[in-house]
């Protein structure tokens, strides 16, 4: 199993699921639930607060995602399997996973994401500290 992203044409998840009604409904439900929490919505990588329009959700696990025989998708991810990231931070997270052989091939997606996220946070914190 690989955590690397595959080209769009070869990966039904990116081509179909992320454009499906099921995903948009699940995404909206995640943000609706997040709005009930007392803490403001912030990117888990850089910590900068923003609103729903400014975020993408990263999957830590795909166990709640399922494609039915008729082609429809089910999006039953637990809230804890989704994390908000700015598009730029999300891209950096995937680059870290894609470029590291251990993260891309020898870890499950949750562990790979958490390790890459820790590295990204350190990098972003260091870069922010250097600017101030």
N, C-alpha and C. Protein backbone atom coordinates (compact mmCIF):
# COMPACT_ATOMS: atom_id res chain seq x y z
N UNK A 1 0.83 -1.18 0.00
CA UNK A 1 0.00 0.00 0.00
C UNK A 1 0.88 1.24 0.00
N UNK A 2 0.44 2.24 -0.72
CA UNK A 2 1.20 3.47 -0.82
C UNK A 2 0.35 4.65 -0.39
N UNK A 3 0.99 5.61 0.23
CA UNK A 3 0.31 6.85 0.60
C UNK A 3 0.53 7.93 -0.45
N UNK A 4 1.30 7.62 -1.49
CA UNK A 4 1.57 8.59 -2.55
C UNK A 4 0.31 8.87 -3.34
N UNK A 5 0.22 10.10 -3.81
CA UNK A 5 -0.90 10.45 -4.67
C UNK A 5 -0.62 9.93 -6.07
N UNK A 6 -1.66 9.47 -6.73
CA UNK A 6 -1.51 8.99 -8.09
C UNK A 6 -2.10 10.02 -9.04
N UNK A 7 -1.77 9.95 -10.33
CA UNK A 7 -2.32 10.92 -11.27
C UNK A 7 -3.84 10.92 -11.24
N UNK A 8 -4.41 12.08 -11.51
CA UNK A 8 -5.86 12.23 -11.45
C UNK A 8 -6.61 11.18 -12.26
N UNK A 9 -6.17 10.90 -13.47
CA UNK A 9 -6.90 9.98 -14.32
C UNK A 9 -6.87 8.54 -13.80
N UNK A 10 -5.96 8.24 -12.91
CA UNK A 10 -5.82 6.87 -12.44
C UNK A 10 -6.37 6.66 -11.03
N UNK A 11 -6.97 7.66 -10.46
CA UNK A 11 -7.36 7.54 -9.07
C UNK A 11 -8.80 7.99 -8.87
N UNK A 12 -9.71 7.02 -8.74
CA UNK A 12 -11.15 7.31 -8.62
C UNK A 12 -11.46 8.21 -7.43
N UNK A 13 -10.70 8.09 -6.38
CA UNK A 13 -10.94 8.91 -5.19
C UNK A 13 -10.84 10.39 -5.55
N UNK A 14 -9.77 10.76 -6.21
CA UNK A 14 -9.56 12.18 -6.53
C UNK A 14 -10.46 12.63 -7.67
N UNK A 15 -10.72 11.76 -8.62
CA UNK A 15 -11.53 12.13 -9.77
C UNK A 15 -13.02 12.16 -9.42
N UNK A 16 -13.48 11.16 -8.72
CA UNK A 16 -14.92 11.04 -8.49
C UNK A 16 -15.35 11.41 -7.07
N UNK A 17 -14.72 10.83 -6.06
CA UNK A 17 -15.19 11.05 -4.70
C UNK A 17 -15.13 12.52 -4.29
N UNK A 18 -14.00 13.18 -4.53
CA UNK A 18 -13.86 14.57 -4.10
C UNK A 18 -14.75 15.54 -4.88
N UNK A 19 -15.46 15.03 -5.86
CA UNK A 19 -16.42 15.84 -6.62
C UNK A 19 -17.85 15.34 -6.40
N UNK A 20 -18.01 14.38 -5.52
CA UNK A 20 -19.32 13.76 -5.32
C UNK A 20 -20.19 14.54 -4.34
N UNK A 21 -21.49 14.34 -4.46
CA UNK A 21 -22.44 14.92 -3.50
C UNK A 21 -22.14 14.44 -2.09
N UNK A 22 -21.79 13.16 -1.99
CA UNK A 22 -21.51 12.58 -0.68
C UNK A 22 -20.38 13.33 0.03
N UNK A 23 -19.31 13.63 -0.72
CA UNK A 23 -18.18 14.33 -0.11
C UNK A 23 -18.57 15.76 0.28
N UNK A 24 -19.27 16.47 -0.60
CA UNK A 24 -19.65 17.85 -0.27
C UNK A 24 -20.58 17.88 0.94
N UNK A 25 -21.48 16.92 1.04
CA UNK A 25 -22.37 16.84 2.21
C UNK A 25 -21.56 16.54 3.47
N UNK A 26 -20.61 15.61 3.37
CA UNK A 26 -19.78 15.25 4.53
C UNK A 26 -18.92 16.43 4.95
N UNK A 27 -18.34 17.11 3.97
CA UNK A 27 -17.51 18.29 4.24
C UNK A 27 -18.34 19.36 4.95
N UNK A 28 -19.52 19.64 4.44
CA UNK A 28 -20.39 20.64 5.07
C UNK A 28 -20.75 20.23 6.49
N UNK A 29 -21.01 18.93 6.71
CA UNK A 29 -21.35 18.44 8.05
C UNK A 29 -20.15 18.62 8.99
N UNK A 30 -18.94 18.36 8.49
CA UNK A 30 -17.75 18.52 9.32
C UNK A 30 -17.61 19.98 9.76
N UNK A 31 -17.75 20.89 8.81
CA UNK A 31 -17.61 22.31 9.14
C UNK A 31 -18.74 22.79 10.04
N UNK A 32 -19.95 22.26 9.86
CA UNK A 32 -21.07 22.63 10.74
C UNK A 32 -20.77 22.19 12.17
N UNK A 33 -20.23 20.99 12.32
CA UNK A 33 -19.87 20.51 13.66
C UNK A 33 -18.72 21.33 14.23
N UNK A 34 -17.74 21.67 13.41
CA UNK A 34 -16.60 22.48 13.87
C UNK A 34 -17.07 23.84 14.35
N UNK A 35 -18.12 24.38 13.75
CA UNK A 35 -18.64 25.70 14.14
C UNK A 35 -19.24 25.69 15.54
N UNK A 36 -19.58 24.51 16.05
CA UNK A 36 -20.17 24.42 17.40
C UNK A 36 -19.10 24.37 18.49
N UNK A 37 -17.86 24.19 18.11
CA UNK A 37 -16.78 24.13 19.09
C UNK A 37 -16.41 25.53 19.56
N UNK A 38 -15.95 25.65 20.80
CA UNK A 38 -15.62 26.98 21.32
C UNK A 38 -14.36 27.59 20.68
N UNK A 39 -13.42 26.76 20.26
CA UNK A 39 -12.19 27.31 19.69
C UNK A 39 -12.41 27.68 18.22
N UNK A 40 -11.76 28.73 17.75
CA UNK A 40 -11.92 29.13 16.36
C UNK A 40 -11.30 28.11 15.40
N UNK A 41 -11.79 28.08 14.20
CA UNK A 41 -11.29 27.18 13.17
C UNK A 41 -9.91 27.66 12.71
N UNK A 42 -8.93 26.76 12.74
CA UNK A 42 -7.56 27.12 12.35
C UNK A 42 -6.93 25.96 11.61
N UNK A 43 -5.99 26.28 10.75
CA UNK A 43 -5.22 25.28 10.01
C UNK A 43 -4.38 24.48 11.00
N UNK A 44 -4.42 23.16 10.91
CA UNK A 44 -3.66 22.35 11.86
C UNK A 44 -2.16 22.37 11.57
N UNK A 45 -1.76 22.89 10.41
CA UNK A 45 -0.33 22.98 10.10
C UNK A 45 0.26 24.31 10.57
N UNK A 46 -0.31 25.41 10.11
CA UNK A 46 0.27 26.72 10.40
C UNK A 46 -0.40 27.42 11.58
N UNK A 47 -1.59 26.97 11.98
CA UNK A 47 -2.28 27.55 13.12
C UNK A 47 -3.03 28.84 12.82
N UNK A 48 -3.01 29.28 11.58
CA UNK A 48 -3.70 30.53 11.23
C UNK A 48 -5.20 30.28 11.11
N UNK A 49 -5.97 31.14 11.76
CA UNK A 49 -7.42 31.02 11.75
C UNK A 49 -7.98 31.49 10.40
N UNK A 50 -9.06 30.87 10.00
CA UNK A 50 -9.73 31.24 8.76
C UNK A 50 -11.15 30.68 8.82
N UNK A 51 -11.87 30.80 7.72
CA UNK A 51 -13.22 30.25 7.68
C UNK A 51 -13.29 29.09 6.68
N UNK A 52 -14.42 28.48 6.61
CA UNK A 52 -14.65 27.28 5.81
C UNK A 52 -14.16 27.43 4.37
N UNK A 53 -14.40 28.57 3.78
CA UNK A 53 -14.02 28.78 2.37
C UNK A 53 -12.52 28.68 2.15
N UNK A 54 -11.75 28.93 3.20
CA UNK A 54 -10.30 28.98 3.08
C UNK A 54 -9.60 27.65 3.36
N UNK A 55 -10.38 26.60 3.64
CA UNK A 55 -9.79 25.33 4.04
C UNK A 55 -10.15 24.18 3.11
N UNK A 56 -9.24 23.23 3.09
CA UNK A 56 -9.49 21.90 2.52
C UNK A 56 -9.43 20.94 3.71
N UNK A 57 -10.05 19.78 3.55
CA UNK A 57 -9.98 18.76 4.60
C UNK A 57 -9.08 17.62 4.12
N UNK A 58 -8.15 17.25 4.96
CA UNK A 58 -7.24 16.14 4.67
C UNK A 58 -7.74 14.90 5.39
N UNK A 59 -7.77 13.78 4.67
CA UNK A 59 -8.17 12.50 5.26
C UNK A 59 -6.98 11.84 5.96
N UNK A 60 -7.14 11.55 7.24
CA UNK A 60 -6.14 10.76 7.96
C UNK A 60 -6.38 9.28 7.74
N UNK A 61 -7.58 8.93 7.35
CA UNK A 61 -7.95 7.54 7.12
C UNK A 61 -9.10 7.51 6.13
N UNK A 62 -9.14 6.48 5.31
CA UNK A 62 -10.20 6.36 4.31
C UNK A 62 -11.23 5.29 4.66
N UNK A 63 -11.23 4.77 5.87
CA UNK A 63 -12.14 3.67 6.19
C UNK A 63 -13.60 4.05 6.04
N UNK A 64 -13.94 5.32 6.16
CA UNK A 64 -15.33 5.74 6.01
C UNK A 64 -15.75 6.02 4.58
N UNK A 65 -14.81 5.94 3.64
CA UNK A 65 -15.10 6.21 2.23
C UNK A 65 -15.35 4.90 1.52
N UNK A 66 -16.46 4.84 0.81
CA UNK A 66 -16.80 3.60 0.12
C UNK A 66 -17.53 3.92 -1.18
N UNK A 67 -17.17 3.20 -2.24
CA UNK A 67 -17.89 3.33 -3.50
C UNK A 67 -18.80 2.12 -3.66
N UNK A 68 -20.07 2.40 -3.93
CA UNK A 68 -21.05 1.34 -4.10
C UNK A 68 -21.00 0.78 -5.52
N UNK A 69 -21.62 -0.36 -5.70
CA UNK A 69 -21.61 -1.01 -7.02
C UNK A 69 -22.23 -0.13 -8.10
N UNK A 70 -23.19 0.69 -7.73
CA UNK A 70 -23.84 1.56 -8.72
C UNK A 70 -23.03 2.83 -8.99
N UNK A 71 -21.83 2.95 -8.40
CA UNK A 71 -20.97 4.09 -8.64
C UNK A 71 -21.11 5.22 -7.64
N UNK A 72 -22.17 5.20 -6.84
CA UNK A 72 -22.34 6.24 -5.83
C UNK A 72 -21.30 6.06 -4.72
N UNK A 73 -21.04 7.15 -4.02
CA UNK A 73 -20.07 7.14 -2.94
C UNK A 73 -20.76 7.32 -1.60
N UNK A 74 -20.19 6.72 -0.57
CA UNK A 74 -20.60 6.95 0.81
C UNK A 74 -19.44 7.64 1.51
N UNK A 75 -19.77 8.66 2.28
CA UNK A 75 -18.77 9.41 3.02
C UNK A 75 -19.14 9.34 4.49
N UNK A 76 -18.59 8.37 5.17
CA UNK A 76 -18.91 8.16 6.58
C UNK A 76 -17.67 8.28 7.48
N UNK A 77 -16.79 9.17 7.10
CA UNK A 77 -15.58 9.37 7.89
C UNK A 77 -15.94 9.97 9.24
N UNK A 78 -15.35 9.45 10.30
CA UNK A 78 -15.53 10.12 11.60
C UNK A 78 -14.89 11.51 11.54
N UNK A 79 -15.40 12.45 12.33
CA UNK A 79 -14.83 13.80 12.34
C UNK A 79 -13.33 13.78 12.59
N UNK A 80 -12.87 12.88 13.45
CA UNK A 80 -11.45 12.81 13.79
C UNK A 80 -10.56 12.34 12.66
N UNK A 81 -11.14 11.83 11.58
CA UNK A 81 -10.35 11.40 10.42
C UNK A 81 -10.13 12.53 9.42
N UNK A 82 -10.68 13.71 9.70
CA UNK A 82 -10.56 14.85 8.80
C UNK A 82 -9.93 16.02 9.54
N UNK A 83 -8.96 16.66 8.88
CA UNK A 83 -8.30 17.82 9.51
C UNK A 83 -8.29 18.99 8.52
N UNK A 84 -8.52 20.22 9.03
CA UNK A 84 -8.54 21.39 8.15
C UNK A 84 -7.13 21.91 7.87
N UNK A 85 -6.88 22.19 6.60
CA UNK A 85 -5.60 22.75 6.18
C UNK A 85 -5.84 23.81 5.11
N UNK A 86 -5.03 24.86 5.12
CA UNK A 86 -5.05 25.78 3.99
C UNK A 86 -4.59 25.00 2.76
N UNK A 87 -5.05 25.35 1.58
CA UNK A 87 -4.62 24.61 0.38
C UNK A 87 -3.09 24.51 0.26
N UNK A 88 -2.37 25.60 0.55
CA UNK A 88 -0.91 25.57 0.48
C UNK A 88 -0.33 24.58 1.48
N UNK A 89 -0.81 24.62 2.72
CA UNK A 89 -0.33 23.69 3.75
C UNK A 89 -0.68 22.25 3.38
N UNK A 90 -1.85 22.05 2.79
CA UNK A 90 -2.28 20.72 2.37
C UNK A 90 -1.33 20.19 1.29
N UNK A 91 -0.99 21.04 0.33
CA UNK A 91 -0.06 20.64 -0.73
C UNK A 91 1.32 20.30 -0.14
N UNK A 92 1.79 21.12 0.79
CA UNK A 92 3.09 20.84 1.43
C UNK A 92 3.05 19.51 2.18
N UNK A 93 1.96 19.24 2.87
CA UNK A 93 1.82 17.97 3.58
C UNK A 93 1.93 16.79 2.62
N UNK A 94 1.22 16.87 1.51
CA UNK A 94 1.29 15.78 0.53
C UNK A 94 2.69 15.66 -0.10
N UNK A 95 3.34 16.78 -0.33
CA UNK A 95 4.70 16.72 -0.87
C UNK A 95 5.64 16.00 0.09
N UNK A 96 5.52 16.30 1.39
CA UNK A 96 6.36 15.61 2.38
C UNK A 96 6.11 14.11 2.36
N UNK A 97 4.85 13.72 2.30
CA UNK A 97 4.52 12.29 2.27
C UNK A 97 5.02 11.65 0.98
N UNK A 98 4.76 12.31 -0.16
CA UNK A 98 5.12 11.75 -1.46
C UNK A 98 6.63 11.58 -1.63
N UNK A 99 7.40 12.48 -1.05
CA UNK A 99 8.86 12.47 -1.28
C UNK A 99 9.65 11.65 -0.28
N UNK A 100 9.00 11.15 0.75
CA UNK A 100 9.69 10.37 1.77
C UNK A 100 9.31 8.90 1.62
N UNK A 101 10.29 8.05 1.34
CA UNK A 101 10.01 6.63 1.10
C UNK A 101 9.34 5.95 2.29
N UNK A 102 9.75 6.29 3.49
CA UNK A 102 9.15 5.67 4.68
C UNK A 102 7.70 6.11 4.82
N UNK A 103 7.43 7.40 4.68
CA UNK A 103 6.07 7.90 4.82
C UNK A 103 5.16 7.43 3.69
N UNK A 104 5.69 7.37 2.49
CA UNK A 104 4.84 7.03 1.35
C UNK A 104 4.59 5.53 1.23
N UNK A 105 5.48 4.70 1.78
CA UNK A 105 5.30 3.26 1.56
C UNK A 105 5.23 2.41 2.82
N UNK A 106 5.83 2.84 3.90
CA UNK A 106 6.00 1.95 5.04
C UNK A 106 5.23 2.37 6.30
N UNK A 107 4.33 3.28 6.15
CA UNK A 107 3.49 3.72 7.27
C UNK A 107 2.05 3.73 6.80
N UNK A 108 1.13 3.54 7.75
CA UNK A 108 -0.27 3.71 7.34
C UNK A 108 -0.53 5.20 7.15
N UNK A 109 -1.63 5.53 6.52
CA UNK A 109 -1.89 6.92 6.15
C UNK A 109 -1.97 7.84 7.37
N UNK A 110 -2.59 7.39 8.44
CA UNK A 110 -2.72 8.23 9.63
C UNK A 110 -1.33 8.55 10.20
N UNK A 111 -0.49 7.54 10.37
CA UNK A 111 0.84 7.76 10.93
C UNK A 111 1.68 8.61 9.98
N UNK A 112 1.61 8.33 8.68
CA UNK A 112 2.36 9.13 7.70
C UNK A 112 1.93 10.59 7.76
N UNK A 113 0.62 10.82 7.83
CA UNK A 113 0.11 12.19 7.89
C UNK A 113 0.56 12.89 9.17
N UNK A 114 0.50 12.19 10.29
CA UNK A 114 0.88 12.80 11.57
C UNK A 114 2.38 13.13 11.60
N UNK A 115 3.22 12.23 11.09
CA UNK A 115 4.66 12.50 11.06
C UNK A 115 4.98 13.66 10.11
N UNK A 116 4.34 13.66 8.94
CA UNK A 116 4.57 14.75 7.98
C UNK A 116 4.05 16.07 8.55
N UNK A 117 2.92 16.03 9.24
CA UNK A 117 2.36 17.24 9.84
C UNK A 117 3.28 17.79 10.93
N UNK A 118 3.87 16.94 11.73
CA UNK A 118 4.83 17.39 12.74
C UNK A 118 6.02 18.09 12.07
N UNK A 119 6.53 17.50 10.99
CA UNK A 119 7.66 18.11 10.27
C UNK A 119 7.25 19.44 9.66
N UNK A 120 6.06 19.49 9.11
CA UNK A 120 5.57 20.73 8.50
C UNK A 120 5.40 21.82 9.55
N UNK A 121 4.86 21.48 10.70
CA UNK A 121 4.70 22.46 11.78
C UNK A 121 6.05 23.02 12.21
N UNK A 122 7.04 22.13 12.36
CA UNK A 122 8.38 22.59 12.75
C UNK A 122 8.94 23.55 11.70
N UNK A 123 8.77 23.21 10.44
CA UNK A 123 9.27 24.04 9.36
C UNK A 123 8.57 25.39 9.34
N UNK A 124 7.25 25.38 9.46
CA UNK A 124 6.49 26.64 9.42
C UNK A 124 6.78 27.49 10.64
N UNK A 125 6.94 26.88 11.80
CA UNK A 125 7.26 27.61 13.03
C UNK A 125 8.65 28.23 12.93
N UNK A 126 9.60 27.47 12.38
CA UNK A 126 10.96 27.96 12.21
C UNK A 126 10.97 29.11 11.23
N UNK A 127 10.23 28.98 10.12
CA UNK A 127 10.17 30.05 9.11
C UNK A 127 9.53 31.31 9.69
N UNK A 128 8.49 31.15 10.48
CA UNK A 128 7.82 32.29 11.10
C UNK A 128 8.75 32.97 12.10
N UNK A 129 9.48 32.18 12.87
CA UNK A 129 10.42 32.74 13.84
C UNK A 129 11.55 33.51 13.16
N UNK A 130 11.97 33.05 11.99
CA UNK A 130 13.04 33.72 11.27
C UNK A 130 12.59 35.07 10.72
N UNK A 131 11.28 35.23 10.45
CA UNK A 131 10.76 36.50 9.91
C UNK A 131 10.56 37.54 10.99
N UNK A 132 10.39 37.13 12.23
CA UNK A 132 10.12 38.11 13.29
C UNK A 132 11.36 38.58 13.98
